[in-house]
Amino acid sequence: MSLAFQYHEKKSFMHRIDPITKVVWMMCISVLVFIYESAIPQLILFAVMLLTAILLANLSFTFVIRGIWIMALFSIGFFIIQTLLVPGETVVYSIGPLVIHKESLDFATAITFRILTIFTSSLIFVATSDPRDIVISLTQKLKIPYRYAYSLFVALRFVPTLESEAKIIEAAQKIRGVGKQKGLKNKIENLKRFSLPLLMGAIRRVQVTANTMESKGYGAYADRTYIRTINFSKQGILFAGAWITLTVCLVVLRFI
């Protein structure tokens, strides 16, 4: 993912609005991707996510692709399996026992873009939301206990940290002449040689974080004070209201 799934401080519309508004936006996206089962609406939603990332979040196209390429590879495999296994009536292509139907192709395409749309919206949310603002918004606006909100903060902070440490471990092993070798047995050894230092580093980091929280009396009181306050902006309210209205209208049109 190349450090894509972490907060990137920039000036954009998505950076300016509060995290709760973006959560509402993500919920609307989740509803829309699940009410449509054909490929064209899913393709449109994915295109909207790309435009949102580029125009509203100030994220480059290469950044988005770098962030979702692993899920894209998974989606390609899922697309192939669904295309071959889902039954249909209209034959598009056949060679020997291999038969591809129009219905299965449409369904597989829809599912593939559904996965990519959800993953891209999550990337936009993480890349444009400061983890501290997420915690503050959850505790101040949604009244979620700060101990639970802080667990989300730790996850968002630890993922890019572990990713960075993984790159450091890989570079250190290359400097020491420990290259990647072919063969199943060698791959298992390489994985063990790589994962153990990463796991030990993560355990040490968790221990340090737990000791720090305990020494500062974290969780001793039902509530805590905050240096700053997250407020809803007019732009965010209009943005969330527009997406809620669009979602409601599309859901009504879909089922009437």
C-alpha atoms as a PDB file:
ATOM      1  CA  MET A   1       0.000   0.000   0.000  1.00  0.00           C
ATOM      2  CA  SER A   2       3.056   2.220   0.219  1.00  0.00           C
ATOM      3  CA  LEU A   3       1.910   4.237   3.231  1.00  0.00           C
ATOM      4  CA  ALA A   4      -1.359   5.140   1.499  1.00  0.00           C
ATOM      5  CA  PHE A   5      -3.633   4.210   4.401  1.00  0.00           C
ATOM      6  CA  GLN A   6      -2.606   6.987   6.736  1.00  0.00           C
ATOM      7  CA  TYR A   7      -3.488  10.642   7.195  1.00  0.00           C
ATOM      8  CA  HIS A   8      -1.970  12.993   4.630  1.00  0.00           C
ATOM      9  CA  GLU A   9      -2.170  16.651   5.599  1.00  0.00           C
ATOM     10  CA  LYS A  10      -3.331  18.689   2.607  1.00  0.00           C
ATOM     11  CA  LYS A  11      -5.688  21.506   1.739  1.00  0.00           C
ATOM     12  CA  SER A  12      -8.879  20.180   0.200  1.00  0.00           C
ATOM     13  CA  PHE A  13     -12.626  20.093   0.708  1.00  0.00           C
ATOM     14  CA  MET A  14     -12.546  16.609   2.241  1.00  0.00           C
ATOM     15  CA  HIS A  15      -9.788  17.674   4.636  1.00  0.00           C
ATOM     16  CA  ARG A  16     -11.821  20.649   5.849  1.00  0.00           C
ATOM     17  CA  ILE A  17     -15.044  18.838   6.725  1.00  0.00           C
ATOM     18  CA  ASP A  18     -15.338  16.966  10.014  1.00  0.00           C
ATOM     19  CA  PRO A  19     -14.948  13.174  10.346  1.00  0.00           C
ATOM     20  CA  ILE A  20     -18.590  12.602  11.344  1.00  0.00           C
ATOM     21  CA  THR A  21     -19.736  14.142   8.072  1.00  0.00           C
ATOM     22  CA  LYS A  22     -17.400  11.813   6.201  1.00  0.00           C
ATOM     23  CA  VAL A  23     -18.769   8.846   8.161  1.00  0.00           C
ATOM     24  CA  VAL A  24     -22.283   9.811   7.017  1.00  0.00           C
ATOM     25  CA  TRP A  25     -20.967  10.067   3.450  1.00  0.00           C
ATOM     26  CA  MET A  26     -19.408   6.593   3.702  1.00  0.00           C
ATOM     27  CA  MET A  27     -22.677   5.168   5.032  1.00  0.00           C
ATOM     28  CA  CYS A  28     -24.507   6.617   2.038  1.00  0.00           C
ATOM     29  CA  ILE A  29     -21.955   5.067  -0.308  1.00  0.00           C
ATOM     30  CA  SER A  30     -22.347   1.708   1.450  1.00  0.00           C
ATOM     31  CA  VAL A  31     -26.122   1.820   1.024  1.00  0.00           C
ATOM     32  CA  LEU A  32     -25.884   2.714  -2.659  1.00  0.00           C
ATOM     33  CA  VAL A  33     -23.386   0.001  -3.587  1.00  0.00           C
ATOM     34  CA  PHE A  34     -25.605  -2.679  -2.045  1.00  0.00           C
ATOM     35  CA  ILE A  35     -28.933  -1.675  -3.593  1.00  0.00           C
ATOM     36  CA  TYR A  36     -27.645  -2.140  -7.152  1.00  0.00           C
ATOM     37  CA  GLU A  37     -26.715  -5.526  -8.570  1.00  0.00           C
ATOM     38  CA  SER A  38     -25.809  -4.553 -12.148  1.00  0.00           C
ATOM     39  CA  ALA A  39     -22.444  -3.394 -13.440  1.00  0.00           C
ATOM     40  CA  ILE A  40     -23.284   0.075 -14.805  1.00  0.00           C
ATOM     41  CA  PRO A  41     -24.418   1.664 -11.496  1.00  0.00           C
ATOM     42  CA  GLN A  42     -21.421   0.152  -9.707  1.00  0.00           C
ATOM     43  CA  LEU A  43     -19.079   1.504 -12.373  1.00  0.00           C
ATOM     44  CA  ILE A  44     -20.644   4.957 -11.992  1.00  0.00           C
ATOM     45  CA  LEU A  45     -20.218   4.859  -8.207  1.00  0.00           C
ATOM     46  CA  PHE A  46     -16.574   3.854  -8.563  1.00  0.00           C
ATOM     47  CA  ALA A  47     -16.001   6.688 -11.025  1.00  0.00           C
ATOM     48  CA  VAL A  48     -17.591   9.084  -8.520  1.00  0.00           C
ATOM     49  CA  MET A  49     -15.179   7.834  -5.850  1.00  0.00           C
ATOM     50  CA  LEU A  50     -12.200   8.442  -8.125  1.00  0.00           C
ATOM     51  CA  LEU A  51     -13.430  11.957  -8.921  1.00  0.00           C
ATOM     52  CA  THR A  52     -14.019  12.603  -5.224  1.00  0.00           C
ATOM     53  CA  ALA A  53     -10.483  11.486  -4.413  1.00  0.00           C
ATOM     54  CA  ILE A  54      -8.916  13.624  -7.146  1.00  0.00           C
ATOM     55  CA  LEU A  55     -11.100  16.748  -7.098  1.00  0.00           C
ATOM     56  CA  LEU A  56     -12.408  16.985  -3.530  1.00  0.00           C
ATOM     57  CA  ALA A  57      -9.638  15.244  -1.557  1.00  0.00           C
ATOM     58  CA  ASN A  58      -6.656  16.473  -3.623  1.00  0.00           C
ATOM     59  CA  LEU A  59      -5.304  12.924  -3.950  1.00  0.00           C
ATOM     60  CA  SER A  60      -3.496  11.972  -7.128  1.00  0.00           C
ATOM     61  CA  PHE A  61      -4.665   9.121  -9.326  1.00  0.00           C
ATOM     62  CA  THR A  62      -1.408   7.245  -8.750  1.00  0.00           C
ATOM     63  CA  PHE A  63      -1.872   7.622  -4.985  1.00  0.00           C
ATOM     64  CA  VAL A  64      -5.338   6.060  -5.166  1.00  0.00           C
ATOM     65  CA  ILE A  65      -4.122   3.194  -7.348  1.00  0.00           C
ATOM     66  CA  ARG A  66      -1.185   2.626  -5.005  1.00  0.00           C
ATOM     67  CA  GLY A  67      -3.608   2.424  -2.114  1.00  0.00           C
ATOM     68  CA  ILE A  68      -6.069  -0.033  -3.643  1.00  0.00           C
ATOM     69  CA  TRP A  69      -3.839  -2.206  -5.829  1.00  0.00           C
ATOM     70  CA  ILE A  70      -3.851  -5.135  -3.395  1.00  0.00           C
ATOM     71  CA  MET A  71      -7.637  -5.125  -3.256  1.00  0.00           C
ATOM     72  CA  ALA A  72      -7.701  -4.711  -7.044  1.00  0.00           C
ATOM     73  CA  LEU A  73      -5.651  -7.896  -7.441  1.00  0.00           C
ATOM     74  CA  PHE A  74      -8.004  -9.708  -5.082  1.00  0.00           C
ATOM     75  CA  SER A  75     -10.971  -8.365  -7.057  1.00  0.00           C
ATOM     76  CA  ILE A  76      -9.559  -9.683 -10.338  1.00  0.00           C
ATOM     77  CA  GLY A  77      -9.389 -13.202  -8.912  1.00  0.00           C
ATOM     78  CA  PHE A  78     -12.877 -12.831  -7.463  1.00  0.00           C
ATOM     79  CA  PHE A  79     -14.114 -11.567 -10.843  1.00  0.00           C
ATOM     80  CA  ILE A  80     -12.746 -14.614 -12.653  1.00  0.00           C
ATOM     81  CA  ILE A  81     -14.255 -17.045 -10.157  1.00  0.00           C
ATOM     82  CA  GLN A  82     -17.676 -15.389 -10.230  1.00  0.00           C
ATOM     83  CA  THR A  83     -17.669 -15.209 -14.018  1.00  0.00           C
ATOM     84  CA  LEU A  84     -17.006 -18.928 -14.331  1.00  0.00           C
ATOM     85  CA  LEU A  85     -19.204 -20.218 -11.518  1.00  0.00           C
ATOM     86  CA  VAL A  86     -22.324 -18.011 -11.486  1.00  0.00           C
ATOM     87  CA  PRO A  87     -25.023 -19.504 -13.762  1.00  0.00           C
ATOM     88  CA  GLY A  88     -26.745 -17.563 -16.522  1.00  0.00           C
ATOM     89  CA  GLU A  89     -28.859 -17.887 -19.667  1.00  0.00           C
ATOM     90  CA  THR A  90     -27.280 -15.751 -22.401  1.00  0.00           C
ATOM     91  CA  VAL A  91     -24.000 -17.245 -23.641  1.00  0.00           C
ATOM     92  CA  VAL A  92     -21.320 -14.668 -24.461  1.00  0.00           C
ATOM     93  CA  TYR A  93     -18.356 -16.958 -25.060  1.00  0.00           C
ATOM     94  CA  SER A  94     -17.725 -20.675 -24.918  1.00  0.00           C
ATOM     95  CA  ILE A  95     -14.789 -22.937 -25.603  1.00  0.00           C
ATOM     96  CA  GLY A  96     -15.109 -26.579 -24.679  1.00  0.00           C
ATOM     97  CA  PRO A  97     -16.509 -26.912 -21.142  1.00  0.00           C
ATOM     98  CA  LEU A  98     -15.802 -23.223 -20.448  1.00  0.00           C
ATOM     99  CA  VAL A  99     -18.973 -21.151 -20.830  1.00  0.00           C
ATOM    100  CA  ILE A 100     -19.317 -17.474 -19.946  1.00  0.00           C
ATOM    101  CA  HIS A 101     -22.809 -16.027 -19.622  1.00  0.00           C
ATOM    102  CA  LYS A 102     -23.852 -12.399 -19.893  1.00  0.00           C
ATOM    103  CA  GLU A 103     -25.598 -12.515 -16.524  1.00  0.00           C
ATOM    104  CA  SER A 104     -22.578 -13.944 -14.711  1.00  0.00           C
ATOM    105  CA  LEU A 105     -20.264 -11.399 -16.361  1.00  0.00           C
ATOM    106  CA  ASP A 106     -22.521  -8.529 -15.295  1.00  0.00           C
ATOM    107  CA  PHE A 107     -22.815  -9.861 -11.743  1.00  0.00           C
ATOM    108  CA  ALA A 108     -19.059 -10.412 -11.402  1.00  0.00           C
ATOM    109  CA  THR A 109     -18.322  -6.910 -12.711  1.00  0.00           C
ATOM    110  CA  ALA A 110     -20.825  -5.390 -10.273  1.00  0.00           C
ATOM    111  CA  ILE A 111     -19.356  -7.227  -7.281  1.00  0.00           C
ATOM    112  CA  THR A 112     -15.808  -6.281  -8.300  1.00  0.00           C
ATOM    113  CA  PHE A 113     -16.550  -2.576  -8.564  1.00  0.00           C
ATOM    114  CA  ARG A 114     -18.590  -2.749  -5.357  1.00  0.00           C
ATOM    115  CA  ILE A 115     -15.507  -3.925  -3.470  1.00  0.00           C
ATOM    116  CA  LEU A 116     -13.294  -1.280  -5.092  1.00  0.00           C
ATOM    117  CA  THR A 117     -15.801   1.500  -4.356  1.00  0.00           C
ATOM    118  CA  ILE A 118     -16.012   0.663  -0.652  1.00  0.00           C
ATOM    119  CA  PHE A 119     -12.246   0.318  -0.408  1.00  0.00           C
ATOM    120  CA  THR A 120     -11.660   3.636  -2.218  1.00  0.00           C
ATOM    121  CA  SER A 121     -14.099   5.495   0.036  1.00  0.00           C
ATOM    122  CA  SER A 122     -12.273   4.074   3.061  1.00  0.00           C
ATOM    123  CA  LEU A 123      -8.972   5.249   1.589  1.00  0.00           C
ATOM    124  CA  ILE A 124     -10.354   8.767   1.150  1.00  0.00           C
ATOM    125  CA  PHE A 125     -11.647   8.808   4.715  1.00  0.00           C
ATOM    126  CA  VAL A 126      -8.355   7.670   6.249  1.00  0.00           C
ATOM    127  CA  ALA A 127      -6.176   9.888   4.039  1.00  0.00           C
ATOM    128  CA  THR A 128      -8.198  13.043   4.778  1.00  0.00           C
ATOM    129  CA  SER A 129      -9.055  12.533   8.467  1.00  0.00           C
ATOM    130  CA  ASP A 130      -6.635  13.280  11.286  1.00  0.00           C
ATOM    131  CA  PRO A 131      -6.904  10.362  13.764  1.00  0.00           C
ATOM    132  CA  ARG A 132      -7.055  12.866  16.626  1.00  0.00           C
ATOM    133  CA  ASP A 133     -10.045  14.578  15.022  1.00  0.00           C
ATOM    134  CA  ILE A 134     -11.760  11.215  14.588  1.00  0.00           C
ATOM    135  CA  VAL A 135     -11.422  10.432  18.291  1.00  0.00           C
ATOM    136  CA  ILE A 136     -12.563  13.905  19.333  1.00  0.00           C
ATOM    137  CA  SER A 137     -15.565  13.757  16.983  1.00  0.00           C
ATOM    138  CA  LEU A 138     -16.627  10.328  18.232  1.00  0.00           C
ATOM    139  CA  THR A 139     -16.436  11.388  21.877  1.00  0.00           C
ATOM    140  CA  GLN A 140     -17.828  14.917  21.570  1.00  0.00           C
ATOM    141  CA  LYS A 141     -20.515  14.451  18.924  1.00  0.00           C
ATOM    142  CA  LEU A 142     -21.513  10.791  19.199  1.00  0.00           C
ATOM    143  CA  LYS A 143     -20.792  10.518  22.953  1.00  0.00           C
ATOM    144  CA  ILE A 144     -18.777   7.328  22.512  1.00  0.00           C
ATOM    145  CA  PRO A 145     -16.595   6.593  25.590  1.00  0.00           C
ATOM    146  CA  TYR A 146     -13.125   7.881  24.863  1.00  0.00           C
ATOM    147  CA  ARG A 147     -11.524   4.568  25.836  1.00  0.00           C
ATOM    148  CA  TYR A 148     -13.277   2.871  22.917  1.00  0.00           C
ATOM    149  CA  ALA A 149     -12.655   5.764  20.542  1.00  0.00           C
ATOM    150  CA  TYR A 150      -8.974   5.676  21.395  1.00  0.00           C
ATOM    151  CA  SER A 151      -8.740   2.065  20.194  1.00  0.00           C
ATOM    152  CA  LEU A 152      -9.644   3.291  16.706  1.00  0.00           C
ATOM    153  CA  PHE A 153      -6.998   5.999  17.020  1.00  0.00           C
ATOM    154  CA  VAL A 154      -4.376   3.396  17.942  1.00  0.00           C
ATOM    155  CA  ALA A 155      -5.339   1.247  14.947  1.00  0.00           C
ATOM    156  CA  LEU A 156      -5.088   4.167  12.535  1.00  0.00           C
ATOM    157  CA  ARG A 157      -1.714   5.183  13.981  1.00  0.00           C
ATOM    158  CA  PHE A 158      -0.209   1.710  14.225  1.00  0.00           C
ATOM    159  CA  VAL A 159      -1.009   0.511  10.694  1.00  0.00           C
ATOM    160  CA  PRO A 160       1.228   3.057   8.898  1.00  0.00           C
ATOM    161  CA  THR A 161       3.856   2.662  11.642  1.00  0.00           C
ATOM    162  CA  LEU A 162       4.002  -1.107  11.145  1.00  0.00           C
ATOM    163  CA  GLU A 163       4.077  -0.593   7.401  1.00  0.00           C
ATOM    164  CA  SER A 164       7.042   1.735   7.743  1.00  0.00           C
ATOM    165  CA  GLU A 165       8.827  -0.688  10.073  1.00  0.00           C
ATOM    166  CA  ALA A 166       8.250  -3.498   7.575  1.00  0.00           C
ATOM    167  CA  LYS A 167      10.058  -1.475   4.910  1.00  0.00           C
ATOM    168  CA  ILE A 168      12.932  -0.824   7.311  1.00  0.00           C
ATOM    169  CA  ILE A 169      13.242  -4.541   8.118  1.00  0.00           C
ATOM    170  CA  GLU A 170      13.179  -5.441   4.443  1.00  0.00           C
ATOM    171  CA  ALA A 171      15.882  -2.853   3.648  1.00  0.00           C
ATOM    172  CA  ALA A 172      18.034  -4.042   6.571  1.00  0.00           C
ATOM    173  CA  GLN A 173      17.829  -7.646   5.389  1.00  0.00           C
ATOM    174  CA  LYS A 174      18.846  -6.643   1.875  1.00  0.00           C
ATOM    175  CA  ILE A 175      21.860  -4.724   3.211  1.00  0.00           C
ATOM    176  CA  ARG A 176      22.928  -7.839   5.134  1.00  0.00           C
ATOM    177  CA  GLY A 177      22.708  -9.945   2.013  1.00  0.00           C
ATOM    178  CA  VAL A 178      19.525 -11.809   2.952  1.00  0.00           C
ATOM    179  CA  GLY A 179      17.786 -11.899  -0.415  1.00  0.00           C
ATOM    180  CA  LYS A 180      14.498 -13.444  -1.395  1.00  0.00           C
ATOM    181  CA  GLN A 181      14.970 -17.023  -2.519  1.00  0.00           C
ATOM    182  CA  LYS A 182      12.741 -19.193  -4.648  1.00  0.00           C
ATOM    183  CA  GLY A 183      11.022 -22.366  -3.545  1.00  0.00           C
ATOM    184  CA  LEU A 184       8.240 -23.011  -1.033  1.00  0.00           C
ATOM    185  CA  LYS A 185      10.607 -23.884   1.816  1.00  0.00           C
ATOM    186  CA  ASN A 186      12.724 -20.777   1.255  1.00  0.00           C
ATOM    187  CA  LYS A 187       9.618 -18.593   1.044  1.00  0.00           C
ATOM    188  CA  ILE A 188       8.457 -19.915   4.409  1.00  0.00           C
ATOM    189  CA  GLU A 189      11.869 -19.137   5.883  1.00  0.00           C
ATOM    190  CA  ASN A 190      11.814 -15.650   4.359  1.00  0.00           C
ATOM    191  CA  LEU A 191       8.354 -15.041   5.808  1.00  0.00           C
ATOM    192  CA  LYS A 192       9.473 -16.180   9.264  1.00  0.00           C
ATOM    193  CA  ARG A 193      12.649 -14.089   9.061  1.00  0.00           C
ATOM    194  CA  PHE A 194      10.576 -11.050   8.089  1.00  0.00           C
ATOM    195  CA  SER A 195       7.486 -11.460  10.292  1.00  0.00           C
ATOM    196  CA  LEU A 196       9.193 -12.223  13.609  1.00  0.00           C
ATOM    197  CA  PRO A 197      11.051  -8.865  13.906  1.00  0.00           C
ATOM    198  CA  LEU A 198       7.876  -7.067  12.844  1.00  0.00           C
ATOM    199  CA  LEU A 199       5.796  -8.941  15.431  1.00  0.00           C
ATOM    200  CA  MET A 200       8.309  -8.323  18.223  1.00  0.00           C
ATOM    201  CA  GLY A 201       8.431  -4.629  17.362  1.00  0.00           C
ATOM    202  CA  ALA A 202       4.635  -4.433  17.442  1.00  0.00           C
ATOM    203  CA  ILE A 203       4.518  -6.157  20.857  1.00  0.00           C
ATOM    204  CA  ARG A 204       7.093  -3.751  22.283  1.00  0.00           C
ATOM    205  CA  ARG A 205       5.147  -0.788  20.896  1.00  0.00           C
ATOM    206  CA  VAL A 206       1.903  -2.062  22.447  1.00  0.00           C
ATOM    207  CA  GLN A 207       3.621  -2.509  25.830  1.00  0.00           C
ATOM    208  CA  VAL A 208       5.054   1.002  25.730  1.00  0.00           C
ATOM    209  CA  THR A 209       1.653   2.443  24.777  1.00  0.00           C
ATOM    210  CA  ALA A 210      -0.112   0.529  27.571  1.00  0.00           C
ATOM    211  CA  ASN A 211       2.436   1.675  30.178  1.00  0.00           C
ATOM    212  CA  THR A 212       2.147   5.261  28.983  1.00  0.00           C
ATOM    213  CA  MET A 213      -1.639   5.210  29.183  1.00  0.00           C
ATOM    214  CA  GLU A 214      -1.565   3.693  32.656  1.00  0.00           C
ATOM    215  CA  SER A 215       1.002   6.197  33.967  1.00  0.00           C
ATOM    216  CA  LYS A 216      -1.149   9.082  32.718  1.00  0.00           C
ATOM    217  CA  GLY A 217      -4.290   7.699  34.372  1.00  0.00           C
ATOM    218  CA  TYR A 218      -6.038   7.004  31.098  1.00  0.00           C
ATOM    219  CA  GLY A 219      -9.554   5.684  31.764  1.00  0.00           C
ATOM    220  CA  ALA A 220      -9.591   6.704  35.430  1.00  0.00           C
ATOM    221  CA  TYR A 221     -12.431   9.170  34.836  1.00  0.00           C
ATOM    222  CA  ALA A 222     -15.693   8.861  32.960  1.00  0.00           C
ATOM    223  CA  ASP A 223     -14.894  11.893  30.827  1.00  0.00           C
ATOM    224  CA  ARG A 224     -11.854  13.968  29.983  1.00  0.00           C
ATOM    225  CA  THR A 225     -11.020  17.491  28.866  1.00  0.00           C
ATOM    226  CA  TYR A 226      -9.981  18.433  25.332  1.00  0.00           C
ATOM    227  CA  ILE A 227      -7.671  21.098  24.001  1.00  0.00           C
ATOM    228  CA  ARG A 228      -9.800  21.693  20.930  1.00  0.00           C
ATOM    229  CA  THR A 229     -13.381  21.147  19.806  1.00  0.00           C
ATOM    230  CA  ILE A 230     -14.575  19.743  16.492  1.00  0.00           C
ATOM    231  CA  ASN A 231     -17.554  21.622  15.052  1.00  0.00           C
ATOM    232  CA  PHE A 232     -19.773  20.911  12.075  1.00  0.00           C
ATOM    233  CA  SER A 233     -19.116  23.282   9.182  1.00  0.00           C
ATOM    234  CA  LYS A 234     -21.712  24.621   6.760  1.00  0.00           C
ATOM    235  CA  GLN A 235     -19.910  22.928   3.889  1.00  0.00           C
ATOM    236  CA  GLY A 236     -19.982  19.620   5.727  1.00  0.00           C
ATOM    237  CA  ILE A 237     -23.680  19.909   6.556  1.00  0.00           C
ATOM    238  CA  LEU A 238     -24.533  20.696   2.928  1.00  0.00           C
ATOM    239  CA  PHE A 239     -22.312  17.849   1.720  1.00  0.00           C
ATOM    240  CA  ALA A 240     -23.873  15.307   4.083  1.00  0.00           C
ATOM    241  CA  GLY A 241     -27.385  16.609   3.373  1.00  0.00           C
ATOM    242  CA  ALA A 242     -26.855  16.311  -0.385  1.00  0.00           C
ATOM    243  CA  TRP A 243     -25.636  12.715  -0.091  1.00  0.00           C
ATOM    244  CA  ILE A 244     -28.455  11.737   2.274  1.00  0.00           C
ATOM    245  CA  THR A 245     -31.033  13.257  -0.086  1.00  0.00           C
ATOM    246  CA  LEU A 246     -29.474  11.537  -3.102  1.00  0.00           C
ATOM    247  CA  THR A 247     -29.344   8.209  -1.287  1.00  0.00           C
ATOM    248  CA  VAL A 248     -32.964   8.386  -0.154  1.00  0.00           C
ATOM    249  CA  CYS A 249     -34.152   9.336  -3.639  1.00  0.00           C
ATOM    250  CA  LEU A 250     -32.192   6.533  -5.318  1.00  0.00           C
ATOM    251  CA  VAL A 251     -33.387   3.958  -2.774  1.00  0.00           C
ATOM    252  CA  VAL A 252     -37.010   5.025  -3.325  1.00  0.00           C
ATOM    253  CA  LEU A 253     -36.631   4.923  -7.117  1.00  0.00           C
ATOM    254  CA  ARG A 254     -34.920   1.535  -6.887  1.00  0.00           C
ATOM    255  CA  PHE A 255     -37.729  -0.172  -4.990  1.00  0.00           C
ATOM    256  CA  ILE A 256     -40.900   1.534  -6.226  1.00  0.00           C
END
